[in-house]
Amino acid sequence: MVVEAVPEGRYVEVGNGITMHYHEAGSADRGAVLFVHGSGPGASGWSNFKGNYPLLAERGYRTIIPDTMGYGYSSKPEDGAFSLDDVAAQYKALLDSLGIDRITVIGNSQGGAIAITMALNYPDLVAKLVLMAPGGLETREAYMDMEGIKAMIRVLYNEGISKETLRKVFRLQLHDESKITDEVIEERFQIAMTQHKDNIARIRVANLEDRLSEIQCPVLCFWGANDKFCPVSGASKIAARCANSRTVLISSCGHWVMVEYAKLFNELTLQFLDDSLG
């Protein structure tokens, strides 16, 4: 009998037949925080942020950790295309159902692009942004030229999903390969087995770089200097175009800052949540 590597949480309808799965922890004594994960085979909110949200919950924040449509235990449409606006609206519906009208959004990779879109579309909802190598800041061609993206495409369309091929991809996700544990691979593999190979293309990520200056809320951005999925040039775009922002560029770090440098990420994020940028 296979034990579920990713625990199951709660579900809510977010419109157009889509059901969103999420985990929740903590109280709202100090505010609410939404975690938005990235893409890739087997991704889920819990797997991405299990090393981060518990500390925030302990410190008095209500943490919401959903699975984006197509990932984790959320609905997985087998056809159609969805824009960042569509997905941001699904997250807004989730927060509405939970009675949350003001929140900090934390997003990595594709989740960062979703977080940026939420801040643009719902400025009264998003109080602060924490971004980790967000997508949506380059042309599609720039992303397709990245070593990590190329490897992921090969696995999805040529080699097929297995624990061995997933491990190949995740060796490019992290600078420190020792953090790619059997547990991480098992979590991803079990979810990946529920996904269609075209799932990754279901959400169309627009280039948002020309709209960064419209973001009104404070922004904290992390980027690994050795990122092989999202070009590190995006870090300077955030720093230059988001007026109330700070960007942290970390050496010897890949695409998953919150995993490789969890302590640093958690501490700086808590400080950012507790204080406004000055």
Protein backbone atom coordinates (compact mmCIF):
# COMPACT_ATOMS: atom_id res chain seq x y z
CA MET A 1 0.00 0.00 0.00
CA VAL A 2 1.37 3.40 -1.01
CA VAL A 3 1.16 6.05 1.70
CA GLU A 4 0.21 9.51 0.44
CA ALA A 5 3.39 11.57 0.40
CA VAL A 6 1.41 14.81 0.25
CA PRO A 7 -1.27 15.15 2.94
CA GLU A 8 -4.82 16.04 1.94
CA GLY A 9 -6.44 19.21 3.23
CA ARG A 10 -9.65 21.06 2.38
CA TYR A 11 -11.48 21.96 -0.82
CA VAL A 12 -13.48 24.92 -2.12
CA GLU A 13 -15.23 25.68 -5.40
CA VAL A 14 -13.69 28.69 -7.14
CA GLY A 15 -15.92 28.95 -10.22
CA ASN A 16 -16.36 27.39 -13.67
CA GLY A 17 -16.28 23.88 -12.27
CA ILE A 18 -12.82 24.28 -10.71
CA THR A 19 -12.20 22.94 -7.21
CA MET A 20 -9.17 24.25 -5.34
CA HIS A 21 -7.44 22.19 -2.67
CA TYR A 22 -5.64 23.95 0.17
CA HIS A 23 -4.02 23.60 3.56
CA GLU A 24 -4.44 26.13 6.34
CA ALA A 25 -2.50 26.74 9.56
CA GLY A 26 -2.21 29.41 12.23
CA SER A 27 -4.45 32.23 13.35
CA ALA A 28 -4.99 35.70 11.91
CA ASP A 29 -3.58 37.56 14.92
CA ARG A 30 -0.93 39.23 12.78
CA GLY A 31 -2.54 38.94 9.35
CA ALA A 32 -2.97 36.40 6.57
CA VAL A 33 -0.41 34.98 4.15
CA LEU A 34 -1.09 33.13 0.88
CA PHE A 35 1.56 30.81 -0.59
CA VAL A 36 1.44 30.29 -4.39
CA HIS A 37 3.66 27.51 -5.72
CA GLY A 38 5.41 27.13 -9.05
CA SER A 39 4.77 24.82 -11.97
CA GLY A 40 6.41 21.59 -13.12
CA PRO A 41 5.50 17.91 -12.85
CA GLY A 42 4.18 16.98 -9.43
CA ALA A 43 4.09 20.48 -7.94
CA SER A 44 1.85 21.27 -4.98
CA GLY A 45 1.63 24.00 -2.38
CA TRP A 46 2.47 21.74 0.56
CA SER A 47 5.51 20.22 -1.15
CA ASN A 48 6.89 23.65 -2.07
CA PHE A 49 6.34 25.40 1.24
CA LYS A 50 6.29 22.75 3.98
CA GLY A 51 9.55 24.18 5.32
CA ASN A 52 8.24 27.74 5.45
CA TYR A 53 4.59 28.15 6.38
CA PRO A 54 4.74 26.38 9.80
CA LEU A 55 7.05 29.05 11.25
CA LEU A 56 4.82 31.88 10.00
CA ALA A 57 1.81 30.10 11.49
CA GLU A 58 3.63 29.76 14.81
CA ARG A 59 4.36 33.50 14.77
CA GLY A 60 0.70 34.43 14.57
CA TYR A 61 -0.05 34.50 10.84
CA ARG A 62 -2.95 32.70 9.19
CA THR A 63 -1.28 30.77 6.38
CA ILE A 64 -3.14 29.48 3.31
CA ILE A 65 -1.28 26.96 1.14
CA PRO A 66 -3.34 26.00 -1.94
CA ASP A 67 -2.70 23.93 -5.04
CA THR A 68 -3.04 25.92 -8.23
CA MET A 69 -5.49 24.52 -10.77
CA GLY A 70 -3.82 21.58 -12.50
CA TYR A 71 -1.57 20.76 -9.55
CA GLY A 72 -1.66 18.90 -6.27
CA TYR A 73 -5.21 17.80 -5.45
CA SER A 74 -6.95 20.68 -7.25
CA SER A 75 -9.00 20.20 -10.43
CA LYS A 76 -6.96 19.29 -13.50
CA PRO A 77 -8.74 20.39 -16.70
CA GLU A 78 -7.78 18.19 -19.64
CA ASP A 79 -8.24 20.90 -22.25
CA GLY A 80 -8.52 24.64 -22.64
CA ALA A 81 -6.14 27.46 -21.83
CA PHE A 82 -6.18 29.79 -18.84
CA SER A 83 -4.60 33.22 -18.47
CA LEU A 84 -2.87 34.58 -15.39
CA ASP A 85 -5.99 36.71 -14.90
CA ASP A 86 -8.11 33.54 -14.82
CA VAL A 87 -5.91 31.90 -12.21
CA ALA A 88 -5.63 35.07 -10.12
CA ALA A 89 -9.45 35.21 -10.08
CA GLN A 90 -9.55 31.62 -8.79
CA TYR A 91 -7.24 32.59 -5.93
CA LYS A 92 -9.41 35.64 -5.24
CA ALA A 93 -12.46 33.35 -5.06
CA LEU A 94 -10.63 31.10 -2.59
CA LEU A 95 -9.80 34.06 -0.34
CA ASP A 96 -13.36 35.38 -0.61
CA SER A 97 -14.67 32.00 0.53
CA LEU A 98 -12.36 32.16 3.55
CA GLY A 99 -13.43 35.69 4.45
CA ILE A 100 -10.00 37.21 3.77
CA ASP A 101 -9.95 40.74 2.33
CA ARG A 102 -6.31 41.70 2.97
CA ILE A 103 -3.30 39.42 2.57
CA THR A 104 0.41 39.07 1.83
CA VAL A 105 1.04 36.88 -1.22
CA ILE A 106 4.19 34.74 -1.41
CA GLY A 107 4.88 33.22 -4.83
CA ASN A 108 7.73 31.39 -6.52
CA SER A 109 8.29 30.86 -10.25
CA GLN A 110 4.89 30.58 -11.98
CA GLY A 111 3.38 31.31 -8.58
CA GLY A 112 5.34 34.55 -8.57
CA ALA A 113 3.72 35.55 -11.85
CA ILE A 114 0.31 34.73 -10.34
CA ALA A 115 1.18 36.78 -7.25
CA ILE A 116 2.20 39.77 -9.39
CA THR A 117 -1.06 39.47 -11.33
CA MET A 118 -3.05 39.44 -8.08
CA ALA A 119 -1.29 42.61 -6.93
CA LEU A 120 -2.06 44.31 -10.25
CA ASN A 121 -5.67 43.14 -10.47
CA TYR A 122 -6.61 43.38 -6.79
CA PRO A 123 -4.51 46.14 -5.19
CA ASP A 124 -6.95 46.49 -2.29
CA LEU A 125 -6.53 42.79 -1.50
CA VAL A 126 -2.73 42.42 -1.71
CA ALA A 127 -0.94 44.20 1.12
CA LYS A 128 2.58 42.92 0.36
CA LEU A 129 4.37 40.65 -2.11
CA VAL A 130 7.16 38.17 -1.46
CA LEU A 131 8.56 36.84 -4.73
CA MET A 132 11.08 34.08 -5.40
CA ALA A 133 12.41 34.06 -8.96
CA PRO A 134 8.97 34.94 -10.33
CA GLY A 135 8.01 33.98 -13.86
CA GLY A 136 6.37 36.35 -16.30
CA LEU A 137 9.32 38.72 -16.64
CA GLU A 138 10.83 37.51 -19.92
CA THR A 139 9.77 36.45 -23.39
CA ARG A 140 8.69 32.84 -23.84
CA GLU A 141 11.83 32.28 -25.93
CA ALA A 142 14.06 33.36 -23.04
CA TYR A 143 12.49 30.79 -20.73
CA MET A 144 12.59 28.01 -23.31
CA ASP A 145 16.33 28.58 -23.64
CA MET A 146 16.96 27.89 -19.93
CA GLU A 147 18.69 24.59 -19.12
CA GLY A 148 16.12 23.62 -16.48
CA ILE A 149 13.12 24.31 -18.71
CA LYS A 150 14.68 22.29 -21.53
CA ALA A 151 15.21 19.34 -19.18
CA MET A 152 11.62 19.53 -17.93
CA ILE A 153 10.24 19.56 -21.48
CA ARG A 154 12.37 16.53 -22.39
CA VAL A 155 11.01 14.60 -19.43
CA LEU A 156 7.39 15.51 -20.17
CA TYR A 157 7.40 14.85 -23.93
CA ASN A 158 10.26 12.46 -24.62
CA GLU A 159 11.59 10.53 -21.64
CA GLY A 160 8.35 10.27 -19.64
CA ILE A 161 7.71 10.67 -15.93
CA SER A 162 9.55 8.37 -13.54
CA LYS A 163 11.35 8.90 -10.26
CA GLU A 164 14.64 8.80 -12.14
CA THR A 165 13.65 11.43 -14.72
CA LEU A 166 12.15 13.67 -12.03
CA ARG A 167 15.45 13.48 -10.17
CA LYS A 168 17.22 14.73 -13.32
CA VAL A 169 15.00 17.81 -13.36
CA PHE A 170 15.37 18.54 -9.67
CA ARG A 171 19.13 18.34 -9.86
CA LEU A 172 18.78 21.53 -11.89
CA GLN A 173 16.25 23.08 -9.48
CA LEU A 174 18.73 23.17 -6.60
CA HIS A 175 22.37 24.20 -6.47
CA ASP A 176 22.89 21.81 -3.54
CA GLU A 177 21.88 18.39 -4.89
CA SER A 178 22.00 16.86 -1.40
CA LYS A 179 18.65 18.52 -0.69
CA ILE A 180 16.97 16.41 -3.39
CA THR A 181 15.82 13.68 -1.04
CA ASP A 182 13.88 10.53 -1.79
CA GLU A 183 11.01 12.16 0.11
CA VAL A 184 10.94 15.12 -2.29
CA ILE A 185 10.98 12.83 -5.32
CA GLU A 186 8.18 10.65 -3.89
CA GLU A 187 6.00 13.70 -3.17
CA ARG A 188 6.43 14.94 -6.71
CA PHE A 189 6.07 11.55 -8.35
CA GLN A 190 2.74 10.71 -6.72
CA ILE A 191 1.21 14.01 -7.82
CA ALA A 192 2.82 13.85 -11.28
CA MET A 193 1.09 10.53 -11.90
CA THR A 194 -2.27 12.35 -11.70
CA GLN A 195 -1.32 15.01 -14.28
CA HIS A 196 -1.58 15.06 -18.06
CA LYS A 197 1.72 15.88 -19.77
CA ASP A 198 0.16 19.03 -21.29
CA ASN A 199 -0.75 20.35 -17.85
CA ILE A 200 2.26 22.65 -17.71
CA ALA A 201 1.06 24.49 -20.83
CA ARG A 202 -2.51 24.90 -19.58
CA ILE A 203 -1.75 28.23 -17.84
CA ARG A 204 -0.47 30.88 -20.24
CA VAL A 205 2.08 33.10 -18.49
CA ALA A 206 2.17 36.59 -20.01
CA ASN A 207 5.22 38.86 -19.89
CA LEU A 208 4.44 41.31 -17.09
CA GLU A 209 7.73 43.22 -16.97
CA ASP A 210 6.27 46.40 -18.46
CA ARG A 211 3.64 46.50 -15.71
CA LEU A 212 5.93 46.12 -12.70
CA SER A 213 5.90 49.88 -12.08
CA GLU A 214 2.14 49.66 -11.47
CA ILE A 215 2.60 47.55 -8.33
CA GLN A 216 1.63 49.69 -5.35
CA CYS A 217 2.46 47.44 -2.41
CA PRO A 218 5.86 46.74 -0.80
CA VAL A 219 7.80 43.93 -2.50
CA LEU A 220 10.51 41.60 -1.18
CA CYS A 221 12.18 39.52 -3.89
CA PHE A 222 14.63 36.60 -3.62
CA TRP A 223 16.68 35.17 -6.47
CA GLY A 224 19.32 32.44 -6.62
CA ALA A 225 22.40 33.44 -8.62
CA ASN A 226 22.55 29.91 -10.07
CA ASP A 227 18.91 29.71 -11.18
CA LYS A 228 18.54 27.48 -14.27
CA PHE A 229 14.80 28.01 -14.75
CA CYS A 230 14.13 31.76 -14.51
CA PRO A 231 16.84 34.15 -15.79
CA VAL A 232 18.48 36.03 -12.93
CA SER A 233 18.12 39.22 -15.00
CA GLY A 234 14.59 39.36 -13.58
CA ALA A 235 16.03 40.36 -10.20
CA SER A 236 17.23 43.72 -11.51
CA LYS A 237 13.86 44.29 -13.20
CA ILE A 238 12.07 43.93 -9.88
CA ALA A 239 14.61 46.16 -8.14
CA ALA A 240 14.47 48.88 -10.78
CA ARG A 241 10.76 48.94 -11.56
CA CYS A 242 8.98 48.19 -8.27
CA ALA A 243 9.25 51.47 -6.39
CA ASN A 244 8.90 50.05 -2.86
CA SER A 245 11.03 46.93 -3.14
CA ARG A 246 14.12 45.11 -1.94
CA THR A 247 15.78 42.32 -3.89
CA VAL A 248 18.05 39.69 -2.31
CA LEU A 249 20.44 37.89 -4.70
CA ILE A 250 21.87 34.73 -3.14
CA SER A 251 25.07 33.01 -4.25
CA SER A 252 25.33 29.21 -4.48
CA CYS A 253 21.55 29.00 -4.84
CA GLY A 254 19.27 27.64 -7.54
CA HIS A 255 15.59 28.11 -8.30
CA TRP A 256 14.22 27.21 -4.86
CA VAL A 257 15.47 29.80 -2.39
CA MET A 258 12.82 28.76 0.15
CA VAL A 259 14.24 25.22 0.16
CA GLU A 260 17.99 25.78 -0.10
CA TYR A 261 18.05 28.76 2.26
CA ALA A 262 14.90 28.16 4.28
CA LYS A 263 16.22 29.81 7.44
CA LEU A 264 17.28 32.97 5.60
CA PHE A 265 14.04 33.09 3.63
CA ASN A 266 11.87 32.55 6.70
CA GLU A 267 13.68 35.13 8.82
CA LEU A 268 13.72 37.86 6.16
CA THR A 269 10.11 37.17 5.23
CA LEU A 270 8.99 37.41 8.86
CA GLN A 271 10.87 40.69 9.24
CA PHE A 272 9.21 41.97 6.07
CA LEU A 273 5.78 40.91 7.29
CA ASP A 274 6.31 42.54 10.66
CA ASP A 275 7.65 45.81 9.26
CA SER A 276 7.03 47.95 6.19
CA LEU A 277 9.88 48.82 3.89
CA GLY A 278 11.39 52.18 4.58
